[in-house]
């Protein structure tokens, strides 16, 4: 089926949903929780204890990072999500392919974060079908910024989503990293960036080991070390699990497109790191 701008009067997928199927956006950009208590509270606000129980049971994704190297960019994230002081999920996915030359990683409350990542994928695909041409990397970054802004009512209640967007710019012939704050502010990093509960520790490692002319092999080594250090210092960040065979998600984007680093290669990188740390 061929779509055109005349069919929907816009190339913004979220605008189409808001106009034609608003119920599908019921969990995205909703009013603050405290303004919408359950009916059985008869108009009263939800008690603080109930809100605490609610937040303690929400899954939260933790550390994500990205780093530019001499031929492209790498984006990665650990696999653990927490629910209060417990491990909520050990195999959560925090890094998503957007199209052939870009990817998004998400940190924050898992439910709205994963929904935002999937909506962003559809948003980019919808635009390119309607317009008949690919959206520029800056255009994708701006579109994601608007989606983060749409989440502001939920962010004000603590349901924060903070993504990293990366891609290979075919015009500039280089990898690029875009970061966001909780209210949709968009900024570009030229070398590396990390966020989430272990982001500070990961960024410290990246700062110590990164060099502007770093190779693909070199950047993979410092990415796994950064995630290792984050897991070592931050209880919410999951490290490599050799027993369950769970390793961080790592994607590489260069002039040939986007590819996944297989778990076997990631395991070998961690094995090498452990040997180096204990030598």
C-alpha atoms as a PDB file:
ATOM      1  CA  UNK A   1       0.000   0.000   0.000  1.00  0.00           C
ATOM      2  CA  UNK A   2       1.347   3.425  -0.983  1.00  0.00           C
ATOM      3  CA  UNK A   3       0.825   6.357   1.371  1.00  0.00           C
ATOM      4  CA  UNK A   4       1.025  10.031   0.569  1.00  0.00           C
ATOM      5  CA  UNK A   5       0.875  13.260   2.572  1.00  0.00           C
ATOM      6  CA  UNK A   6      -2.659  13.804   1.238  1.00  0.00           C
ATOM      7  CA  UNK A   7      -3.847  10.647   3.027  1.00  0.00           C
ATOM      8  CA  UNK A   8      -3.045  12.027   6.485  1.00  0.00           C
ATOM      9  CA  UNK A   9      -2.201  15.736   5.879  1.00  0.00           C
ATOM     10  CA  UNK A  10       1.026  15.240   7.825  1.00  0.00           C
ATOM     11  CA  UNK A  11       4.146  13.065   7.945  1.00  0.00           C
ATOM     12  CA  UNK A  12       4.107  13.076  11.762  1.00  0.00           C
ATOM     13  CA  UNK A  13       2.933   9.637  12.917  1.00  0.00           C
ATOM     14  CA  UNK A  14       2.199  10.785  16.467  1.00  0.00           C
ATOM     15  CA  UNK A  15      -0.055  13.541  15.132  1.00  0.00           C
ATOM     16  CA  UNK A  16      -1.948  10.967  13.063  1.00  0.00           C
ATOM     17  CA  UNK A  17      -2.451   8.745  16.117  1.00  0.00           C
ATOM     18  CA  UNK A  18      -3.551  11.663  18.262  1.00  0.00           C
ATOM     19  CA  UNK A  19      -6.175  12.655  15.703  1.00  0.00           C
ATOM     20  CA  UNK A  20      -7.426   9.266  14.523  1.00  0.00           C
ATOM     21  CA  UNK A  21      -6.637   6.737  17.298  1.00  0.00           C
ATOM     22  CA  UNK A  22      -5.945   8.660  20.540  1.00  0.00           C
ATOM     23  CA  UNK A  23      -6.680   5.563  22.646  1.00  0.00           C
ATOM     24  CA  UNK A  24      -3.449   4.021  21.342  1.00  0.00           C
ATOM     25  CA  UNK A  25      -1.518   6.787  23.086  1.00  0.00           C
ATOM     26  CA  UNK A  26      -3.200   6.223  26.433  1.00  0.00           C
ATOM     27  CA  UNK A  27       0.092   5.391  28.154  1.00  0.00           C
ATOM     28  CA  UNK A  28       2.201   7.979  26.379  1.00  0.00           C
ATOM     29  CA  UNK A  29       2.133  11.569  27.593  1.00  0.00           C
ATOM     30  CA  UNK A  30      -0.729  10.903  30.003  1.00  0.00           C
ATOM     31  CA  UNK A  31      -1.730  13.341  32.771  1.00  0.00           C
ATOM     32  CA  UNK A  32       0.205  13.117  36.043  1.00  0.00           C
ATOM     33  CA  UNK A  33      -0.598  10.106  38.203  1.00  0.00           C
ATOM     34  CA  UNK A  34      -1.610  12.157  41.217  1.00  0.00           C
ATOM     35  CA  UNK A  35      -4.266  13.936  39.158  1.00  0.00           C
ATOM     36  CA  UNK A  36      -5.824  10.640  38.081  1.00  0.00           C
ATOM     37  CA  UNK A  37      -6.333   8.451  41.198  1.00  0.00           C
ATOM     38  CA  UNK A  38      -8.287   5.211  40.955  1.00  0.00           C
ATOM     39  CA  UNK A  39     -12.076   5.482  41.061  1.00  0.00           C
ATOM     40  CA  UNK A  40     -12.297   3.540  44.312  1.00  0.00           C
ATOM     41  CA  UNK A  41     -10.619   6.409  46.134  1.00  0.00           C
ATOM     42  CA  UNK A  42     -13.782   8.510  45.574  1.00  0.00           C
ATOM     43  CA  UNK A  43     -11.971  11.589  44.370  1.00  0.00           C
ATOM     44  CA  UNK A  44      -9.317  11.487  47.083  1.00  0.00           C
ATOM     45  CA  UNK A  45      -5.637  11.448  46.314  1.00  0.00           C
ATOM     46  CA  UNK A  46      -3.819   8.147  46.379  1.00  0.00           C
ATOM     47  CA  UNK A  47      -2.102   7.611  49.750  1.00  0.00           C
ATOM     48  CA  UNK A  48       1.654   8.040  49.848  1.00  0.00           C
ATOM     49  CA  UNK A  49       2.137   4.394  50.844  1.00  0.00           C
ATOM     50  CA  UNK A  50       0.216   3.226  47.760  1.00  0.00           C
ATOM     51  CA  UNK A  51       2.292   5.468  45.515  1.00  0.00           C
ATOM     52  CA  UNK A  52       5.470   4.099  47.085  1.00  0.00           C
ATOM     53  CA  UNK A  53       4.324   0.538  46.403  1.00  0.00           C
ATOM     54  CA  UNK A  54       3.504   1.510  42.825  1.00  0.00           C
ATOM     55  CA  UNK A  55       6.905   3.043  42.116  1.00  0.00           C
ATOM     56  CA  UNK A  56       8.756   0.216  43.852  1.00  0.00           C
ATOM     57  CA  UNK A  57       7.191  -2.274  41.434  1.00  0.00           C
ATOM     58  CA  UNK A  58       8.053  -0.345  38.275  1.00  0.00           C
ATOM     59  CA  UNK A  59      10.930  -1.727  36.247  1.00  0.00           C
ATOM     60  CA  UNK A  60      13.731   0.747  35.639  1.00  0.00           C
ATOM     61  CA  UNK A  61      16.454   0.386  33.049  1.00  0.00           C
ATOM     62  CA  UNK A  62      19.879   1.601  34.021  1.00  0.00           C
ATOM     63  CA  UNK A  63      23.166   2.207  32.211  1.00  0.00           C
ATOM     64  CA  UNK A  64      23.459   3.067  28.520  1.00  0.00           C
ATOM     65  CA  UNK A  65      26.345   4.627  26.611  1.00  0.00           C
ATOM     66  CA  UNK A  66      27.690   5.513  23.175  1.00  0.00           C
ATOM     67  CA  UNK A  67      31.120   6.298  21.721  1.00  0.00           C
ATOM     68  CA  UNK A  68      32.305   7.547  18.336  1.00  0.00           C
ATOM     69  CA  UNK A  69      35.259   5.802  16.689  1.00  0.00           C
ATOM     70  CA  UNK A  70      37.213   6.475  13.506  1.00  0.00           C
ATOM     71  CA  UNK A  71      34.714   4.747  11.198  1.00  0.00           C
ATOM     72  CA  UNK A  72      31.386   5.106  12.978  1.00  0.00           C
ATOM     73  CA  UNK A  73      29.700   4.921  16.375  1.00  0.00           C
ATOM     74  CA  UNK A  74      28.930   2.266  18.987  1.00  0.00           C
ATOM     75  CA  UNK A  75      25.883   2.240  21.267  1.00  0.00           C
ATOM     76  CA  UNK A  76      25.436  -0.170  24.178  1.00  0.00           C
ATOM     77  CA  UNK A  77      23.512  -0.944  27.339  1.00  0.00           C
ATOM     78  CA  UNK A  78      23.461  -3.463  30.143  1.00  0.00           C
ATOM     79  CA  UNK A  79      20.601  -6.000  30.370  1.00  0.00           C
ATOM     80  CA  UNK A  80      19.345  -5.532  33.930  1.00  0.00           C
ATOM     81  CA  UNK A  81      16.235  -3.705  35.148  1.00  0.00           C
ATOM     82  CA  UNK A  82      15.448  -3.113  38.805  1.00  0.00           C
ATOM     83  CA  UNK A  83      12.152  -2.970  40.721  1.00  0.00           C
ATOM     84  CA  UNK A  84      12.840  -1.066  43.914  1.00  0.00           C
ATOM     85  CA  UNK A  85      15.728  -2.876  45.599  1.00  0.00           C
ATOM     86  CA  UNK A  86      15.244  -6.086  43.645  1.00  0.00           C
ATOM     87  CA  UNK A  87      16.342  -7.322  40.236  1.00  0.00           C
ATOM     88  CA  UNK A  88      13.193  -7.028  38.141  1.00  0.00           C
ATOM     89  CA  UNK A  89      14.517  -8.381  34.842  1.00  0.00           C
ATOM     90  CA  UNK A  90      17.912  -9.744  33.790  1.00  0.00           C
ATOM     91  CA  UNK A  91      17.464  -9.753  30.008  1.00  0.00           C
ATOM     92  CA  UNK A  92      15.731  -6.455  29.264  1.00  0.00           C
ATOM     93  CA  UNK A  93      16.479  -4.843  25.927  1.00  0.00           C
ATOM     94  CA  UNK A  94      17.675  -1.230  26.099  1.00  0.00           C
ATOM     95  CA  UNK A  95      19.163  -0.717  22.619  1.00  0.00           C
ATOM     96  CA  UNK A  96      16.920  -0.637  19.540  1.00  0.00           C
ATOM     97  CA  UNK A  97      17.619  -0.306  15.843  1.00  0.00           C
ATOM     98  CA  UNK A  98      15.725   2.668  14.376  1.00  0.00           C
ATOM     99  CA  UNK A  99      16.672   2.177  10.726  1.00  0.00           C
ATOM    100  CA  UNK A 100      19.663   1.015   8.702  1.00  0.00           C
ATOM    101  CA  UNK A 101      21.930   3.811   9.999  1.00  0.00           C
ATOM    102  CA  UNK A 102      20.676   4.766  13.463  1.00  0.00           C
ATOM    103  CA  UNK A 103      19.804   3.330  16.878  1.00  0.00           C
ATOM    104  CA  UNK A 104      18.342   4.415  20.202  1.00  0.00           C
ATOM    105  CA  UNK A 105      19.172   3.348  23.759  1.00  0.00           C
ATOM    106  CA  UNK A 106      16.785   3.981  26.629  1.00  0.00           C
ATOM    107  CA  UNK A 107      17.228   4.538  30.371  1.00  0.00           C
ATOM    108  CA  UNK A 108      14.554   5.264  32.950  1.00  0.00           C
ATOM    109  CA  UNK A 109      11.208   3.620  33.686  1.00  0.00           C
ATOM    110  CA  UNK A 110      11.104   0.605  31.386  1.00  0.00           C
ATOM    111  CA  UNK A 111       7.448   0.660  30.282  1.00  0.00           C
ATOM    112  CA  UNK A 112       7.247   4.170  28.764  1.00  0.00           C
ATOM    113  CA  UNK A 113      10.903   3.929  27.663  1.00  0.00           C
ATOM    114  CA  UNK A 114      10.313   0.819  25.551  1.00  0.00           C
ATOM    115  CA  UNK A 115       7.082   2.298  24.196  1.00  0.00           C
ATOM    116  CA  UNK A 116       8.923   5.467  23.192  1.00  0.00           C
ATOM    117  CA  UNK A 117      11.627   3.467  21.395  1.00  0.00           C
ATOM    118  CA  UNK A 118       9.066   1.481  19.409  1.00  0.00           C
ATOM    119  CA  UNK A 119       7.006   4.571  18.552  1.00  0.00           C
ATOM    120  CA  UNK A 120      10.174   6.296  17.400  1.00  0.00           C
ATOM    121  CA  UNK A 121      10.924   3.418  15.021  1.00  0.00           C
ATOM    122  CA  UNK A 122       7.431   3.714  13.510  1.00  0.00           C
ATOM    123  CA  UNK A 123       7.668   7.521  13.397  1.00  0.00           C
ATOM    124  CA  UNK A 124      10.819   7.403  11.260  1.00  0.00           C
ATOM    125  CA  UNK A 125       9.442   4.692   8.960  1.00  0.00           C
ATOM    126  CA  UNK A 126       6.129   6.536   8.555  1.00  0.00           C
ATOM    127  CA  UNK A 127       7.867   9.799   7.628  1.00  0.00           C
ATOM    128  CA  UNK A 128      10.010   8.136   4.989  1.00  0.00           C
ATOM    129  CA  UNK A 129       7.003   6.381   3.431  1.00  0.00           C
ATOM    130  CA  UNK A 130       4.944   9.574   3.346  1.00  0.00           C
ATOM    131  CA  UNK A 131       7.713  11.862   2.110  1.00  0.00           C
ATOM    132  CA  UNK A 132       9.365   9.320  -0.187  1.00  0.00           C
ATOM    133  CA  UNK A 133      12.829  10.241   1.088  1.00  0.00           C
ATOM    134  CA  UNK A 134      14.882   9.395   4.191  1.00  0.00           C
ATOM    135  CA  UNK A 135      14.780  11.679   7.206  1.00  0.00           C
ATOM    136  CA  UNK A 136      18.109  13.322   7.988  1.00  0.00           C
ATOM    137  CA  UNK A 137      19.962  12.342  11.151  1.00  0.00           C
ATOM    138  CA  UNK A 138      19.236  15.790  12.637  1.00  0.00           C
ATOM    139  CA  UNK A 139      15.575  15.361  11.694  1.00  0.00           C
ATOM    140  CA  UNK A 140      15.411  12.053  13.544  1.00  0.00           C
ATOM    141  CA  UNK A 141      17.120  13.597  16.573  1.00  0.00           C
ATOM    142  CA  UNK A 142      14.623  16.490  16.591  1.00  0.00           C
ATOM    143  CA  UNK A 143      11.696  14.091  16.278  1.00  0.00           C
ATOM    144  CA  UNK A 144      12.925  12.132  19.310  1.00  0.00           C
ATOM    145  CA  UNK A 145      13.262  15.385  21.239  1.00  0.00           C
ATOM    146  CA  UNK A 146       9.573  16.100  20.638  1.00  0.00           C
ATOM    147  CA  UNK A 147       8.661  12.627  21.880  1.00  0.00           C
ATOM    148  CA  UNK A 148      10.634  13.150  25.102  1.00  0.00           C
ATOM    149  CA  UNK A 149       8.815  16.461  25.587  1.00  0.00           C
ATOM    150  CA  UNK A 150       5.496  14.618  25.191  1.00  0.00           C
ATOM    151  CA  UNK A 151       6.478  12.490  28.179  1.00  0.00           C
ATOM    152  CA  UNK A 152       6.853  15.567  30.434  1.00  0.00           C
ATOM    153  CA  UNK A 153       3.649  15.012  32.484  1.00  0.00           C
ATOM    154  CA  UNK A 154       4.857  11.526  33.391  1.00  0.00           C
ATOM    155  CA  UNK A 155       8.422  12.753  34.010  1.00  0.00           C
ATOM    156  CA  UNK A 156       7.093  15.249  36.556  1.00  0.00           C
ATOM    157  CA  UNK A 157       5.741  12.280  38.527  1.00  0.00           C
ATOM    158  CA  UNK A 158       9.075  10.479  38.431  1.00  0.00           C
ATOM    159  CA  UNK A 159       8.386   8.312  35.347  1.00  0.00           C
ATOM    160  CA  UNK A 160      11.428   9.644  33.536  1.00  0.00           C
ATOM    161  CA  UNK A 161      12.667   8.426  30.147  1.00  0.00           C
ATOM    162  CA  UNK A 162      16.150   9.515  29.036  1.00  0.00           C
ATOM    163  CA  UNK A 163      17.368   8.193  25.649  1.00  0.00           C
ATOM    164  CA  UNK A 164      20.594   8.319  23.686  1.00  0.00           C
ATOM    165  CA  UNK A 165      20.282   8.516  19.892  1.00  0.00           C
ATOM    166  CA  UNK A 166      23.179   7.614  17.599  1.00  0.00           C
ATOM    167  CA  UNK A 167      23.683   7.210  13.896  1.00  0.00           C
ATOM    168  CA  UNK A 168      26.079   7.305  10.992  1.00  0.00           C
ATOM    169  CA  UNK A 169      25.766  10.560   9.058  1.00  0.00           C
ATOM    170  CA  UNK A 170      26.103   9.664   5.372  1.00  0.00           C
ATOM    171  CA  UNK A 171      26.685  13.316   4.430  1.00  0.00           C
ATOM    172  CA  UNK A 172      29.386  14.002   7.003  1.00  0.00           C
ATOM    173  CA  UNK A 173      30.692  10.424   6.806  1.00  0.00           C
ATOM    174  CA  UNK A 174      30.992  10.078  10.583  1.00  0.00           C
ATOM    175  CA  UNK A 175      29.218   8.698  13.622  1.00  0.00           C
ATOM    176  CA  UNK A 176      27.223  11.106  15.795  1.00  0.00           C
ATOM    177  CA  UNK A 177      25.723  11.017  19.304  1.00  0.00           C
ATOM    178  CA  UNK A 178      22.678  12.960  20.540  1.00  0.00           C
ATOM    179  CA  UNK A 179      21.746  13.112  24.222  1.00  0.00           C
ATOM    180  CA  UNK A 180      18.568  14.373  25.910  1.00  0.00           C
ATOM    181  CA  UNK A 181      17.422  15.635  29.277  1.00  0.00           C
ATOM    182  CA  UNK A 182      14.155  14.653  30.929  1.00  0.00           C
ATOM    183  CA  UNK A 183      12.194  17.554  29.394  1.00  0.00           C
ATOM    184  CA  UNK A 184      13.326  17.010  25.805  1.00  0.00           C
ATOM    185  CA  UNK A 185      16.403  19.204  25.588  1.00  0.00           C
ATOM    186  CA  UNK A 186      18.670  17.898  22.836  1.00  0.00           C
ATOM    187  CA  UNK A 187      22.455  18.158  22.762  1.00  0.00           C
ATOM    188  CA  UNK A 188      25.198  16.603  20.661  1.00  0.00           C
ATOM    189  CA  UNK A 189      28.325  14.908  21.995  1.00  0.00           C
ATOM    190  CA  UNK A 190      31.301  14.622  19.675  1.00  0.00           C
ATOM    191  CA  UNK A 191      33.141  11.745  21.384  1.00  0.00           C
ATOM    192  CA  UNK A 192      31.251   9.695  24.005  1.00  0.00           C
ATOM    193  CA  UNK A 193      28.379   9.827  26.472  1.00  0.00           C
ATOM    194  CA  UNK A 194      26.810   7.661  29.180  1.00  0.00           C
ATOM    195  CA  UNK A 195      23.679   8.030  31.298  1.00  0.00           C
ATOM    196  CA  UNK A 196      21.472   6.044  33.645  1.00  0.00           C
ATOM    197  CA  UNK A 197      22.196   5.093  37.242  1.00  0.00           C
ATOM    198  CA  UNK A 198      25.688   3.869  36.347  1.00  0.00           C
ATOM    199  CA  UNK A 199      26.302   6.533  33.729  1.00  0.00           C
ATOM    200  CA  UNK A 200      28.697   8.579  35.846  1.00  0.00           C
ATOM    201  CA  UNK A 201      30.951   5.587  36.494  1.00  0.00           C
ATOM    202  CA  UNK A 202      30.838   4.504  32.842  1.00  0.00           C
ATOM    203  CA  UNK A 203      31.635   8.025  31.684  1.00  0.00           C
ATOM    204  CA  UNK A 204      34.639   8.186  33.998  1.00  0.00           C
ATOM    205  CA  UNK A 205      36.084   5.078  32.326  1.00  0.00           C
ATOM    206  CA  UNK A 206      35.356   6.420  28.858  1.00  0.00           C
ATOM    207  CA  UNK A 207      37.038   9.715  29.725  1.00  0.00           C
ATOM    208  CA  UNK A 208      40.138   7.914  30.961  1.00  0.00           C
ATOM    209  CA  UNK A 209      40.558   5.528  28.006  1.00  0.00           C
ATOM    210  CA  UNK A 210      39.033   7.308  25.002  1.00  0.00           C
ATOM    211  CA  UNK A 211      41.088   8.835  22.174  1.00  0.00           C
ATOM    212  CA  UNK A 212      39.702  10.703  19.140  1.00  0.00           C
ATOM    213  CA  UNK A 213      41.284   8.348  16.584  1.00  0.00           C
ATOM    214  CA  UNK A 214      40.240   5.137  18.341  1.00  0.00           C
ATOM    215  CA  UNK A 215      39.567   2.057  16.196  1.00  0.00           C
ATOM    216  CA  UNK A 216      36.565  -0.269  16.241  1.00  0.00           C
ATOM    217  CA  UNK A 217      38.471  -2.882  18.232  1.00  0.00           C
ATOM    218  CA  UNK A 218      39.727  -0.249  20.652  1.00  0.00           C
ATOM    219  CA  UNK A 219      36.325   1.300  21.292  1.00  0.00           C
ATOM    220  CA  UNK A 220      34.741  -2.117  21.878  1.00  0.00           C
ATOM    221  CA  UNK A 221      37.300  -2.786  24.616  1.00  0.00           C
ATOM    222  CA  UNK A 222      36.647   0.489  26.424  1.00  0.00           C
ATOM    223  CA  UNK A 223      32.851   0.129  26.072  1.00  0.00           C
ATOM    224  CA  UNK A 224      32.841  -3.268  27.818  1.00  0.00           C
ATOM    225  CA  UNK A 225      35.223  -1.923  30.468  1.00  0.00           C
ATOM    226  CA  UNK A 226      32.984   1.111  31.039  1.00  0.00           C
ATOM    227  CA  UNK A 227      29.961  -1.149  31.554  1.00  0.00           C
ATOM    228  CA  UNK A 228      32.039  -3.385  33.844  1.00  0.00           C
ATOM    229  CA  UNK A 229      33.042  -0.400  36.000  1.00  0.00           C
ATOM    230  CA  UNK A 230      29.451   0.844  36.091  1.00  0.00           C
ATOM    231  CA  UNK A 231      28.244  -2.565  37.297  1.00  0.00           C
ATOM    232  CA  UNK A 232      31.048  -2.695  39.866  1.00  0.00           C
ATOM    233  CA  UNK A 233      30.004   0.619  41.442  1.00  0.00           C
ATOM    234  CA  UNK A 234      26.254   0.786  40.764  1.00  0.00           C
ATOM    235  CA  UNK A 235      24.008  -1.945  42.216  1.00  0.00           C
ATOM    236  CA  UNK A 236      21.322  -1.310  39.583  1.00  0.00           C
ATOM    237  CA  UNK A 237      23.626  -1.984  36.631  1.00  0.00           C
ATOM    238  CA  UNK A 238      24.014  -5.582  35.515  1.00  0.00           C
ATOM    239  CA  UNK A 239      27.468  -6.875  34.676  1.00  0.00           C
ATOM    240  CA  UNK A 240      28.294  -9.827  32.413  1.00  0.00           C
ATOM    241  CA  UNK A 241      26.680 -13.033  33.660  1.00  0.00           C
ATOM    242  CA  UNK A 242      28.850 -15.970  32.576  1.00  0.00           C
ATOM    243  CA  UNK A 243      26.563 -18.525  34.261  1.00  0.00           C
ATOM    244  CA  UNK A 244      23.346 -17.410  32.514  1.00  0.00           C
ATOM    245  CA  UNK A 245      25.218 -16.309  29.374  1.00  0.00           C
ATOM    246  CA  UNK A 246      23.832 -12.745  29.622  1.00  0.00           C
ATOM    247  CA  UNK A 247      25.988  -9.973  28.192  1.00  0.00           C
ATOM    248  CA  UNK A 248      25.419  -6.295  27.350  1.00  0.00           C
ATOM    249  CA  UNK A 249      23.743  -5.336  24.079  1.00  0.00           C
ATOM    250  CA  UNK A 250      26.210  -3.637  21.722  1.00  0.00           C
ATOM    251  CA  UNK A 251      25.450  -2.266  18.253  1.00  0.00           C
ATOM    252  CA  UNK A 252      27.927  -0.857  15.730  1.00  0.00           C
ATOM    253  CA  UNK A 253      26.893   1.701  13.096  1.00  0.00           C
ATOM    254  CA  UNK A 254      29.175   2.629  10.200  1.00  0.00           C
ATOM    255  CA  UNK A 255      29.013   3.357   6.457  1.00  0.00           C
ATOM    256  CA  UNK A 256      27.779  -0.189   5.768  1.00  0.00           C
ATOM    257  CA  UNK A 257      24.853   0.100   8.188  1.00  0.00           C
ATOM    258  CA  UNK A 258      24.046  -1.232  11.647  1.00  0.00           C
ATOM    259  CA  UNK A 259      25.159  -4.574  13.075  1.00  0.00           C
ATOM    260  CA  UNK A 260      25.023  -6.407  16.417  1.00  0.00           C
ATOM    261  CA  UNK A 261      28.050  -7.587  18.316  1.00  0.00           C
ATOM    262  CA  UNK A 262      27.290 -11.284  19.028  1.00  0.00           C
ATOM    263  CA  UNK A 263      27.342 -12.530  22.618  1.00  0.00           C
ATOM    264  CA  UNK A 264      30.283 -14.777  21.762  1.00  0.00           C
ATOM    265  CA  UNK A 265      32.428 -11.768  20.863  1.00  0.00           C
ATOM    266  CA  UNK A 266      31.248  -9.802  23.900  1.00  0.00           C
ATOM    267  CA  UNK A 267      32.063 -12.789  26.130  1.00  0.00           C
ATOM    268  CA  UNK A 268      35.552 -12.967  24.628  1.00  0.00           C
ATOM    269  CA  UNK A 269      36.061  -9.239  25.305  1.00  0.00           C
ATOM    270  CA  UNK A 270      35.061  -9.689  28.956  1.00  0.00           C
ATOM    271  CA  UNK A 271      37.268 -12.741  29.308  1.00  0.00           C
ATOM    272  CA  UNK A 272      40.187 -10.692  27.995  1.00  0.00           C
ATOM    273  CA  UNK A 273      39.277  -7.830  30.368  1.00  0.00           C
ATOM    274  CA  UNK A 274      39.241 -10.156  33.393  1.00  0.00           C
ATOM    275  CA  UNK A 275      42.601 -11.605  32.440  1.00  0.00           C
ATOM    276  CA  UNK A 276      44.007  -8.105  32.102  1.00  0.00           C
ATOM    277  CA  UNK A 277      42.565  -6.956  35.439  1.00  0.00           C
ATOM    278  CA  UNK A 278      43.983  -9.966  37.276  1.00  0.00           C
ATOM    279  CA  UNK A 279      47.390 -10.035  35.620  1.00  0.00           C
END
